[in-house]
């Protein structure tokens, strides 16, 4: 095997097997004894989501999150914003960034606040409404004023969840300087 590529941000290597006979032998007999196939998929998805956030490509991060949430088994309590707030809290915490929920402002509460080296993200979640409605709430309640002195660009993120499909149905991103 040779190292074909390395991503220092996500700490992921891309390996290559240049010989066909070696590839077949590795995949069929040796590799199954060393790699648990299901564990790598989750780690890779989280790493890809983190990389997308790092690259300021929130649309890619949400596309990956949308696909990932479709793999989560059905549960009875998925018909509340709180369920999705907890899911996002856990996922965003895996990025190793500051994440907080229900952050109080002078006239409301931000569902999720996430801070990175590049920006401060204010997330408003909706269930069976629209991402635009979430953005409207962020602006109506002026959530960003609480964070005006953070020294970071503030990114307002509205997310709507579809309770039937149990994943993101739409999102809207508004960046302010």
N, C-alpha and C. Protein backbone atom coordinates (compact mmCIF):
# COMPACT_ATOMS: atom_id res chain seq x y z
N UNK A 1 0.84 -1.18 0.00
CA UNK A 1 0.00 0.00 0.00
C UNK A 1 0.88 1.24 0.00
N UNK A 2 0.37 2.27 -0.65
CA UNK A 2 1.06 3.54 -0.65
C UNK A 2 0.09 4.64 -0.20
N UNK A 3 0.65 5.68 0.38
CA UNK A 3 -0.17 6.81 0.77
C UNK A 3 -0.35 7.70 -0.45
N UNK A 4 -1.60 7.86 -0.86
CA UNK A 4 -1.92 8.64 -2.04
C UNK A 4 -2.17 10.10 -1.69
N UNK A 5 -2.78 10.35 -0.49
CA UNK A 5 -3.10 11.70 -0.09
C UNK A 5 -3.27 11.73 1.42
N UNK A 6 -3.11 12.92 2.00
CA UNK A 6 -3.31 13.11 3.43
C UNK A 6 -3.98 14.47 3.64
N UNK A 7 -5.03 14.50 4.44
CA UNK A 7 -5.72 15.74 4.79
C UNK A 7 -5.39 16.04 6.24
N UNK A 8 -4.54 17.06 6.46
CA UNK A 8 -4.08 17.38 7.81
C UNK A 8 -5.19 17.93 8.70
N UNK A 9 -6.24 18.48 8.11
CA UNK A 9 -7.35 19.01 8.90
C UNK A 9 -8.15 17.89 9.54
N UNK A 10 -8.54 16.88 8.75
CA UNK A 10 -9.36 15.79 9.26
C UNK A 10 -8.52 14.59 9.70
N UNK A 11 -7.21 14.64 9.45
CA UNK A 11 -6.28 13.55 9.78
C UNK A 11 -6.63 12.25 9.07
N UNK A 12 -7.15 12.36 7.83
CA UNK A 12 -7.51 11.19 7.04
C UNK A 12 -6.47 10.95 5.94
N UNK A 13 -6.10 9.69 5.79
CA UNK A 13 -5.20 9.27 4.73
C UNK A 13 -6.02 8.62 3.61
N UNK A 14 -5.59 8.82 2.39
CA UNK A 14 -6.12 8.07 1.26
C UNK A 14 -5.04 7.11 0.84
N UNK A 15 -5.35 5.83 0.89
CA UNK A 15 -4.38 4.80 0.55
C UNK A 15 -4.66 4.25 -0.83
N UNK A 16 -3.62 3.74 -1.46
CA UNK A 16 -3.75 3.15 -2.78
C UNK A 16 -3.06 1.79 -2.78
N UNK A 17 -3.66 0.87 -3.49
CA UNK A 17 -3.08 -0.46 -3.65
C UNK A 17 -2.78 -0.59 -5.14
N UNK A 18 -1.53 -0.46 -5.52
CA UNK A 18 -1.19 -0.39 -6.95
C UNK A 18 -1.30 -1.72 -7.71
N UNK A 19 -1.28 -2.84 -7.02
CA UNK A 19 -1.27 -4.14 -7.68
C UNK A 19 -2.62 -4.82 -7.51
N UNK A 20 -3.24 -5.28 -8.60
CA UNK A 20 -4.56 -5.92 -8.57
C UNK A 20 -4.61 -7.17 -7.73
N UNK A 21 -3.60 -8.03 -7.83
CA UNK A 21 -3.59 -9.28 -7.05
C UNK A 21 -3.50 -8.99 -5.56
N UNK A 22 -2.70 -8.02 -5.21
CA UNK A 22 -2.56 -7.64 -3.80
C UNK A 22 -3.88 -7.04 -3.30
N UNK A 23 -4.53 -6.23 -4.13
CA UNK A 23 -5.81 -5.61 -3.77
C UNK A 23 -6.84 -6.69 -3.44
N UNK A 24 -6.97 -7.70 -4.29
CA UNK A 24 -7.94 -8.76 -4.07
C UNK A 24 -7.62 -9.52 -2.79
N UNK A 25 -6.37 -9.86 -2.59
CA UNK A 25 -5.97 -10.59 -1.38
C UNK A 25 -6.24 -9.79 -0.12
N UNK A 26 -5.92 -8.53 -0.16
CA UNK A 26 -6.14 -7.66 1.00
C UNK A 26 -7.63 -7.53 1.32
N UNK A 27 -8.43 -7.25 0.32
CA UNK A 27 -9.85 -7.01 0.53
C UNK A 27 -10.60 -8.26 0.96
N UNK A 28 -10.20 -9.40 0.48
CA UNK A 28 -10.95 -10.62 0.77
C UNK A 28 -10.48 -11.37 2.01
N UNK A 29 -9.21 -11.30 2.32
CA UNK A 29 -8.76 -12.13 3.44
C UNK A 29 -8.15 -11.36 4.60
N UNK A 30 -7.37 -10.36 4.35
CA UNK A 30 -6.66 -9.70 5.44
C UNK A 30 -7.46 -8.55 6.06
N UNK A 31 -7.95 -7.65 5.25
CA UNK A 31 -8.62 -6.45 5.74
C UNK A 31 -9.83 -6.72 6.64
N UNK A 32 -10.70 -7.69 6.35
CA UNK A 32 -11.84 -7.93 7.23
C UNK A 32 -11.46 -8.29 8.67
N UNK A 33 -10.25 -8.79 8.87
CA UNK A 33 -9.81 -9.14 10.22
C UNK A 33 -9.32 -7.93 11.01
N UNK A 34 -9.06 -6.81 10.34
CA UNK A 34 -8.51 -5.63 11.01
C UNK A 34 -9.45 -4.43 11.02
N UNK A 35 -10.44 -4.41 10.16
CA UNK A 35 -11.31 -3.24 10.03
C UNK A 35 -12.75 -3.64 10.28
N UNK A 36 -13.39 -2.92 11.20
CA UNK A 36 -14.83 -3.09 11.40
C UNK A 36 -15.50 -2.13 10.44
N UNK A 37 -16.23 -2.66 9.49
CA UNK A 37 -16.72 -1.84 8.38
C UNK A 37 -17.67 -0.73 8.82
N UNK A 38 -18.53 -0.93 9.78
CA UNK A 38 -19.51 0.10 10.14
C UNK A 38 -18.88 1.27 10.89
N UNK A 39 -17.86 1.05 11.68
CA UNK A 39 -17.30 2.14 12.48
C UNK A 39 -16.63 3.20 11.61
N UNK A 40 -16.02 2.82 10.54
CA UNK A 40 -15.31 3.77 9.68
C UNK A 40 -16.25 4.71 8.96
N UNK A 41 -17.44 4.25 8.60
CA UNK A 41 -18.38 5.11 7.86
C UNK A 41 -18.77 6.32 8.68
N UNK A 42 -19.07 6.13 9.97
CA UNK A 42 -19.44 7.26 10.81
C UNK A 42 -18.29 8.22 11.01
N UNK A 43 -17.11 7.70 11.28
CA UNK A 43 -15.95 8.54 11.48
C UNK A 43 -15.66 9.35 10.22
N UNK A 44 -15.74 8.72 9.08
CA UNK A 44 -15.47 9.42 7.83
C UNK A 44 -16.52 10.51 7.58
N UNK A 45 -17.77 10.23 7.85
CA UNK A 45 -18.81 11.23 7.66
C UNK A 45 -18.57 12.42 8.57
N UNK A 46 -18.26 12.19 9.83
CA UNK A 46 -17.99 13.29 10.75
C UNK A 46 -16.76 14.06 10.28
N UNK A 47 -15.73 13.36 9.83
CA UNK A 47 -14.53 14.04 9.33
C UNK A 47 -14.84 14.89 8.10
N UNK A 48 -15.67 14.37 7.22
CA UNK A 48 -16.04 15.13 6.02
C UNK A 48 -16.90 16.34 6.39
N UNK A 49 -17.79 16.18 7.36
CA UNK A 49 -18.59 17.31 7.81
C UNK A 49 -17.71 18.37 8.44
N UNK A 50 -16.76 17.93 9.25
CA UNK A 50 -15.83 18.87 9.88
C UNK A 50 -15.02 19.61 8.82
N UNK A 51 -14.56 18.88 7.82
CA UNK A 51 -13.78 19.50 6.74
C UNK A 51 -14.62 20.53 6.00
N UNK A 52 -15.87 20.23 5.74
CA UNK A 52 -16.75 21.18 5.05
C UNK A 52 -16.93 22.43 5.90
N UNK A 53 -17.13 22.27 7.21
CA UNK A 53 -17.24 23.43 8.10
C UNK A 53 -15.95 24.24 8.09
N UNK A 54 -14.84 23.56 8.17
CA UNK A 54 -13.52 24.21 8.16
C UNK A 54 -13.33 25.02 6.87
N UNK A 55 -13.83 24.49 5.76
CA UNK A 55 -13.71 25.17 4.46
C UNK A 55 -14.83 26.19 4.21
N UNK A 56 -15.65 26.44 5.23
CA UNK A 56 -16.79 27.36 5.12
C UNK A 56 -17.79 26.92 4.06
N UNK A 57 -17.91 25.62 3.86
CA UNK A 57 -18.87 25.08 2.89
C UNK A 57 -20.03 24.46 3.67
N UNK A 58 -20.86 25.34 4.24
CA UNK A 58 -21.96 24.85 5.07
C UNK A 58 -22.98 24.06 4.27
N UNK A 59 -23.16 24.40 3.00
CA UNK A 59 -24.10 23.62 2.20
C UNK A 59 -23.66 22.17 2.09
N UNK A 60 -22.38 21.93 1.92
CA UNK A 60 -21.88 20.55 1.87
C UNK A 60 -22.03 19.88 3.24
N UNK A 61 -21.74 20.62 4.31
CA UNK A 61 -21.88 20.05 5.64
C UNK A 61 -23.33 19.63 5.89
N UNK A 62 -24.28 20.48 5.49
CA UNK A 62 -25.69 20.15 5.70
C UNK A 62 -26.16 19.03 4.77
N UNK A 63 -25.60 18.96 3.57
CA UNK A 63 -25.94 17.85 2.67
C UNK A 63 -25.49 16.52 3.29
N UNK A 64 -24.28 16.50 3.85
CA UNK A 64 -23.78 15.30 4.52
C UNK A 64 -24.62 14.98 5.76
N UNK A 65 -24.96 16.01 6.52
CA UNK A 65 -25.79 15.81 7.71
C UNK A 65 -27.16 15.27 7.33
N UNK A 66 -27.73 15.81 6.29
CA UNK A 66 -29.03 15.35 5.81
C UNK A 66 -28.99 13.86 5.46
N UNK A 67 -27.96 13.46 4.74
CA UNK A 67 -27.81 12.05 4.37
C UNK A 67 -27.56 11.19 5.61
N UNK A 68 -26.74 11.69 6.53
CA UNK A 68 -26.44 10.94 7.74
C UNK A 68 -27.69 10.70 8.59
N UNK A 69 -28.50 11.74 8.76
CA UNK A 69 -29.70 11.61 9.59
C UNK A 69 -30.68 10.59 9.02
N UNK A 70 -30.62 10.37 7.72
CA UNK A 70 -31.48 9.34 7.13
C UNK A 70 -31.08 7.93 7.54
N UNK A 71 -29.89 7.78 8.15
CA UNK A 71 -29.44 6.47 8.61
C UNK A 71 -29.80 6.21 10.07
N UNK A 72 -30.29 7.24 10.78
CA UNK A 72 -30.61 7.10 12.21
C UNK A 72 -31.90 6.31 12.35
N UNK A 73 -31.91 5.27 13.18
CA UNK A 73 -33.11 4.45 13.35
C UNK A 73 -34.29 5.27 13.87
N UNK A 74 -35.46 4.83 13.52
CA UNK A 74 -36.71 5.44 13.94
C UNK A 74 -36.81 5.45 15.46
N UNK A 75 -37.35 6.55 16.01
CA UNK A 75 -37.65 6.60 17.44
C UNK A 75 -38.93 7.39 17.64
N UNK A 76 -39.60 7.16 18.76
CA UNK A 76 -40.90 7.77 19.02
C UNK A 76 -40.85 9.26 19.34
N UNK A 77 -39.72 9.77 19.81
CA UNK A 77 -39.67 11.17 20.24
C UNK A 77 -39.06 12.10 19.19
N UNK A 78 -39.12 11.73 17.92
CA UNK A 78 -38.52 12.54 16.86
C UNK A 78 -39.44 13.65 16.37
N UNK A 79 -40.55 13.87 17.04
CA UNK A 79 -41.49 14.90 16.62
C UNK A 79 -41.38 16.16 17.47
N UNK A 80 -40.15 16.50 17.86
CA UNK A 80 -39.94 17.74 18.61
C UNK A 80 -38.63 18.37 18.16
N UNK A 81 -38.58 19.69 18.26
CA UNK A 81 -37.34 20.40 17.94
C UNK A 81 -36.22 19.95 18.87
N UNK A 82 -36.57 19.66 20.12
CA UNK A 82 -35.56 19.26 21.10
C UNK A 82 -34.79 18.02 20.70
N UNK A 83 -35.47 17.09 20.06
CA UNK A 83 -34.81 15.87 19.58
C UNK A 83 -33.69 16.22 18.60
N UNK A 84 -34.00 17.09 17.66
CA UNK A 84 -33.01 17.47 16.65
C UNK A 84 -31.94 18.38 17.22
N UNK A 85 -32.32 19.18 18.20
CA UNK A 85 -31.35 20.03 18.88
C UNK A 85 -30.30 19.16 19.57
N UNK A 86 -30.74 18.09 20.23
CA UNK A 86 -29.80 17.18 20.89
C UNK A 86 -28.90 16.48 19.88
N UNK A 87 -29.50 16.02 18.77
CA UNK A 87 -28.69 15.38 17.73
C UNK A 87 -27.59 16.31 17.22
N UNK A 88 -27.98 17.55 16.90
CA UNK A 88 -27.00 18.50 16.38
C UNK A 88 -25.95 18.85 17.43
N UNK A 89 -26.37 18.97 18.68
CA UNK A 89 -25.41 19.24 19.75
C UNK A 89 -24.33 18.15 19.80
N UNK A 90 -24.75 16.90 19.76
CA UNK A 90 -23.80 15.79 19.82
C UNK A 90 -22.87 15.82 18.60
N UNK A 91 -23.45 15.98 17.42
CA UNK A 91 -22.64 15.97 16.20
C UNK A 91 -21.67 17.14 16.19
N UNK A 92 -22.15 18.35 16.50
CA UNK A 92 -21.26 19.52 16.49
C UNK A 92 -20.20 19.42 17.57
N UNK A 93 -20.52 18.80 18.70
CA UNK A 93 -19.53 18.61 19.76
C UNK A 93 -18.39 17.73 19.30
N UNK A 94 -18.70 16.78 18.41
CA UNK A 94 -17.65 15.90 17.88
C UNK A 94 -16.63 16.67 17.04
N UNK A 95 -17.00 17.86 16.59
CA UNK A 95 -16.05 18.70 15.84
C UNK A 95 -14.99 19.31 16.76
N UNK A 96 -15.20 19.22 18.06
CA UNK A 96 -14.24 19.79 19.00
C UNK A 96 -14.33 21.31 19.09
N UNK A 97 -15.48 21.86 18.79
CA UNK A 97 -15.70 23.31 18.84
C UNK A 97 -16.63 23.63 20.00
N UNK A 98 -16.62 24.91 20.42
CA UNK A 98 -17.55 25.36 21.45
C UNK A 98 -18.96 25.28 20.90
N UNK A 99 -19.83 24.58 21.62
CA UNK A 99 -21.23 24.45 21.24
C UNK A 99 -22.07 24.61 22.51
N UNK A 100 -23.15 25.40 22.40
CA UNK A 100 -24.05 25.55 23.53
C UNK A 100 -25.48 25.60 22.99
N UNK A 101 -26.44 25.23 23.82
CA UNK A 101 -27.85 25.23 23.42
C UNK A 101 -28.65 26.16 24.31
N UNK A 102 -29.78 26.63 23.77
CA UNK A 102 -30.69 27.50 24.51
C UNK A 102 -29.94 28.68 25.14
N UNK A 103 -29.16 29.37 24.33
CA UNK A 103 -28.37 30.51 24.81
C UNK A 103 -29.28 31.73 24.93
N UNK A 104 -29.39 32.28 26.12
CA UNK A 104 -30.28 33.40 26.39
C UNK A 104 -29.73 34.70 25.80
N UNK A 105 -30.63 35.45 25.19
CA UNK A 105 -30.33 36.79 24.69
C UNK A 105 -31.32 37.74 25.39
N UNK A 106 -31.23 39.04 25.15
CA UNK A 106 -32.17 39.96 25.82
C UNK A 106 -33.65 39.64 25.55
N UNK A 107 -34.00 39.10 24.37
CA UNK A 107 -35.43 38.85 24.11
C UNK A 107 -35.73 37.46 23.55
N UNK A 108 -34.87 36.50 23.84
CA UNK A 108 -35.15 35.15 23.37
C UNK A 108 -34.02 34.20 23.68
N UNK A 109 -34.06 33.04 23.03
CA UNK A 109 -33.03 32.01 23.21
C UNK A 109 -32.63 31.48 21.85
N UNK A 110 -31.32 31.42 21.62
CA UNK A 110 -30.79 30.84 20.39
C UNK A 110 -30.75 29.33 20.60
N UNK A 111 -31.27 28.56 19.64
CA UNK A 111 -31.31 27.10 19.79
C UNK A 111 -29.92 26.52 19.96
N UNK A 112 -28.98 26.90 19.07
CA UNK A 112 -27.61 26.39 19.16
C UNK A 112 -26.65 27.51 18.77
N UNK A 113 -25.57 27.65 19.54
CA UNK A 113 -24.48 28.57 19.19
C UNK A 113 -23.23 27.71 19.05
N UNK A 114 -22.54 27.88 17.93
CA UNK A 114 -21.28 27.16 17.72
C UNK A 114 -20.22 28.19 17.31
N UNK A 115 -19.07 28.11 17.97
CA UNK A 115 -17.97 29.02 17.69
C UNK A 115 -16.81 28.26 17.08
N UNK A 116 -16.29 28.78 15.97
CA UNK A 116 -15.09 28.24 15.36
C UNK A 116 -14.06 29.37 15.33
N UNK A 117 -12.89 29.09 14.83
CA UNK A 117 -11.86 30.12 14.71
C UNK A 117 -12.26 31.19 13.69
N UNK A 118 -13.14 30.84 12.77
CA UNK A 118 -13.49 31.76 11.69
C UNK A 118 -14.82 32.47 11.85
N UNK A 119 -15.77 31.91 12.63
CA UNK A 119 -17.11 32.50 12.70
C UNK A 119 -17.85 32.03 13.95
N UNK A 120 -18.92 32.76 14.23
CA UNK A 120 -19.86 32.39 15.28
C UNK A 120 -21.17 32.07 14.60
N UNK A 121 -21.67 30.85 14.79
CA UNK A 121 -22.87 30.37 14.11
C UNK A 121 -24.04 30.38 15.07
N UNK A 122 -25.13 31.01 14.64
CA UNK A 122 -26.37 31.03 15.40
C UNK A 122 -27.38 30.17 14.66
N UNK A 123 -27.79 29.05 15.27
CA UNK A 123 -28.71 28.11 14.64
C UNK A 123 -30.10 28.26 15.25
N UNK A 124 -31.09 28.42 14.41
CA UNK A 124 -32.49 28.36 14.83
C UNK A 124 -33.10 27.18 14.13
N UNK A 125 -33.73 26.29 14.89
CA UNK A 125 -34.30 25.07 14.35
C UNK A 125 -35.82 25.18 14.30
N UNK A 126 -36.39 24.63 13.25
CA UNK A 126 -37.84 24.56 13.10
C UNK A 126 -38.21 23.13 12.72
N UNK A 127 -39.42 22.75 13.09
CA UNK A 127 -39.94 21.43 12.76
C UNK A 127 -41.19 21.62 11.91
N UNK A 128 -41.11 21.14 10.69
CA UNK A 128 -42.24 21.18 9.77
C UNK A 128 -42.70 22.61 9.47
N UNK A 129 -41.73 23.51 9.36
CA UNK A 129 -42.03 24.90 8.99
C UNK A 129 -41.18 25.25 7.77
N UNK A 130 -40.20 26.15 7.95
CA UNK A 130 -39.26 26.46 6.88
C UNK A 130 -38.00 27.06 7.46
N UNK A 131 -36.92 26.94 6.71
CA UNK A 131 -35.66 27.56 7.11
C UNK A 131 -35.80 29.07 7.11
N UNK A 132 -36.58 29.60 6.19
CA UNK A 132 -36.81 31.04 6.13
C UNK A 132 -37.51 31.52 7.41
N UNK A 133 -38.44 30.75 7.95
CA UNK A 133 -39.10 31.11 9.21
C UNK A 133 -38.09 31.15 10.35
N UNK A 134 -37.13 30.25 10.32
CA UNK A 134 -36.09 30.24 11.35
C UNK A 134 -35.21 31.48 11.25
N UNK A 135 -34.82 31.84 10.04
CA UNK A 135 -34.01 33.06 9.83
C UNK A 135 -34.80 34.28 10.28
N UNK A 136 -36.07 34.30 9.96
CA UNK A 136 -36.92 35.43 10.34
C UNK A 136 -36.94 35.59 11.86
N UNK A 137 -36.99 34.48 12.60
CA UNK A 137 -36.97 34.55 14.06
C UNK A 137 -35.64 35.10 14.57
N UNK A 138 -34.53 34.64 13.98
CA UNK A 138 -33.21 35.15 14.39
C UNK A 138 -33.16 36.66 14.22
N UNK A 139 -33.69 37.14 13.11
CA UNK A 139 -33.64 38.56 12.83
C UNK A 139 -34.66 39.34 13.66
N UNK A 140 -35.86 38.81 13.81
CA UNK A 140 -36.91 39.47 14.58
C UNK A 140 -36.49 39.66 16.05
N UNK A 141 -35.85 38.62 16.61
CA UNK A 141 -35.43 38.69 18.01
C UNK A 141 -34.01 39.21 18.15
N UNK A 142 -33.40 39.61 17.03
CA UNK A 142 -32.07 40.24 17.02
C UNK A 142 -31.04 39.45 17.84
N UNK A 143 -31.02 38.13 17.64
CA UNK A 143 -30.10 37.28 18.39
C UNK A 143 -28.64 37.69 18.23
N UNK A 144 -28.27 38.18 17.05
CA UNK A 144 -26.86 38.48 16.79
C UNK A 144 -26.33 39.63 17.64
N UNK A 145 -27.21 40.52 18.15
CA UNK A 145 -26.72 41.65 18.93
C UNK A 145 -25.98 41.20 20.19
N UNK A 146 -26.39 40.09 20.78
CA UNK A 146 -25.71 39.59 21.98
C UNK A 146 -24.25 39.25 21.69
N UNK A 147 -23.96 38.90 20.43
CA UNK A 147 -22.63 38.43 20.08
C UNK A 147 -21.83 39.45 19.26
N UNK A 148 -22.31 40.69 19.22
CA UNK A 148 -21.70 41.73 18.39
C UNK A 148 -20.24 42.00 18.76
N UNK A 149 -19.87 41.78 20.00
CA UNK A 149 -18.51 42.06 20.44
C UNK A 149 -17.59 40.84 20.38
N UNK A 150 -18.06 39.77 19.75
CA UNK A 150 -17.26 38.53 19.68
C UNK A 150 -16.03 38.67 18.80
N UNK A 151 -16.03 39.66 17.91
CA UNK A 151 -14.90 39.83 17.01
C UNK A 151 -14.91 38.87 15.83
N UNK A 152 -15.98 38.10 15.71
CA UNK A 152 -16.08 37.12 14.63
C UNK A 152 -17.27 37.46 13.74
N UNK A 153 -17.19 37.09 12.46
CA UNK A 153 -18.39 37.21 11.63
C UNK A 153 -19.49 36.31 12.19
N UNK A 154 -20.71 36.81 12.15
CA UNK A 154 -21.84 36.03 12.66
C UNK A 154 -22.58 35.42 11.47
N UNK A 155 -22.79 34.12 11.55
CA UNK A 155 -23.49 33.40 10.50
C UNK A 155 -24.81 32.92 11.09
N UNK A 156 -25.90 33.39 10.50
CA UNK A 156 -27.24 32.99 10.93
C UNK A 156 -27.64 31.78 10.10
N UNK A 157 -28.07 30.72 10.78
CA UNK A 157 -28.42 29.48 10.09
C UNK A 157 -29.82 29.05 10.52
N UNK A 158 -30.71 29.00 9.56
CA UNK A 158 -32.05 28.49 9.80
C UNK A 158 -32.15 27.08 9.24
N UNK A 159 -32.64 26.17 10.05
CA UNK A 159 -32.77 24.77 9.62
C UNK A 159 -34.19 24.31 9.90
N UNK A 160 -34.78 23.67 8.92
CA UNK A 160 -36.10 23.06 9.10
C UNK A 160 -35.97 21.55 8.98
N UNK A 161 -36.61 20.84 9.89
CA UNK A 161 -36.59 19.38 9.88
C UNK A 161 -37.94 18.86 9.42
N UNK A 162 -37.90 17.82 8.63
CA UNK A 162 -39.11 17.14 8.17
C UNK A 162 -39.39 16.00 9.16
N UNK A 163 -40.48 16.09 9.94
CA UNK A 163 -40.73 15.05 10.94
C UNK A 163 -41.07 13.68 10.34
N UNK A 164 -41.51 13.64 9.10
CA UNK A 164 -41.82 12.35 8.48
C UNK A 164 -40.56 11.64 7.99
N UNK A 165 -39.66 12.39 7.37
CA UNK A 165 -38.41 11.79 6.87
C UNK A 165 -37.33 11.77 7.95
N UNK A 166 -37.51 12.58 9.01
CA UNK A 166 -36.58 12.67 10.14
C UNK A 166 -35.19 13.13 9.72
N UNK A 167 -35.17 14.16 8.86
CA UNK A 167 -33.91 14.76 8.45
C UNK A 167 -34.16 16.21 8.08
N UNK A 168 -33.12 16.91 7.70
CA UNK A 168 -33.26 18.29 7.27
C UNK A 168 -34.07 18.34 5.98
N UNK A 169 -35.03 19.25 5.93
CA UNK A 169 -35.75 19.43 4.66
C UNK A 169 -35.21 20.64 3.92
N UNK A 170 -34.81 21.69 4.66
CA UNK A 170 -34.17 22.83 4.02
C UNK A 170 -33.38 23.61 5.05
N UNK A 171 -32.47 24.42 4.55
CA UNK A 171 -31.65 25.27 5.41
C UNK A 171 -31.35 26.55 4.65
N UNK A 172 -31.08 27.58 5.43
CA UNK A 172 -30.75 28.89 4.86
C UNK A 172 -29.60 29.46 5.68
N UNK A 173 -28.63 30.04 4.99
CA UNK A 173 -27.43 30.57 5.63
C UNK A 173 -27.32 32.05 5.27
N UNK A 174 -27.19 32.91 6.31
CA UNK A 174 -27.03 34.33 6.10
C UNK A 174 -25.79 34.78 6.86
N UNK A 175 -24.79 35.28 6.15
CA UNK A 175 -23.55 35.73 6.75
C UNK A 175 -23.58 37.23 6.92
N UNK A 176 -23.20 37.69 8.12
CA UNK A 176 -23.07 39.12 8.38
C UNK A 176 -21.64 39.39 8.83
N UNK A 177 -21.17 40.54 8.55
CA UNK A 177 -19.80 40.91 8.96
C UNK A 177 -19.82 41.80 10.17
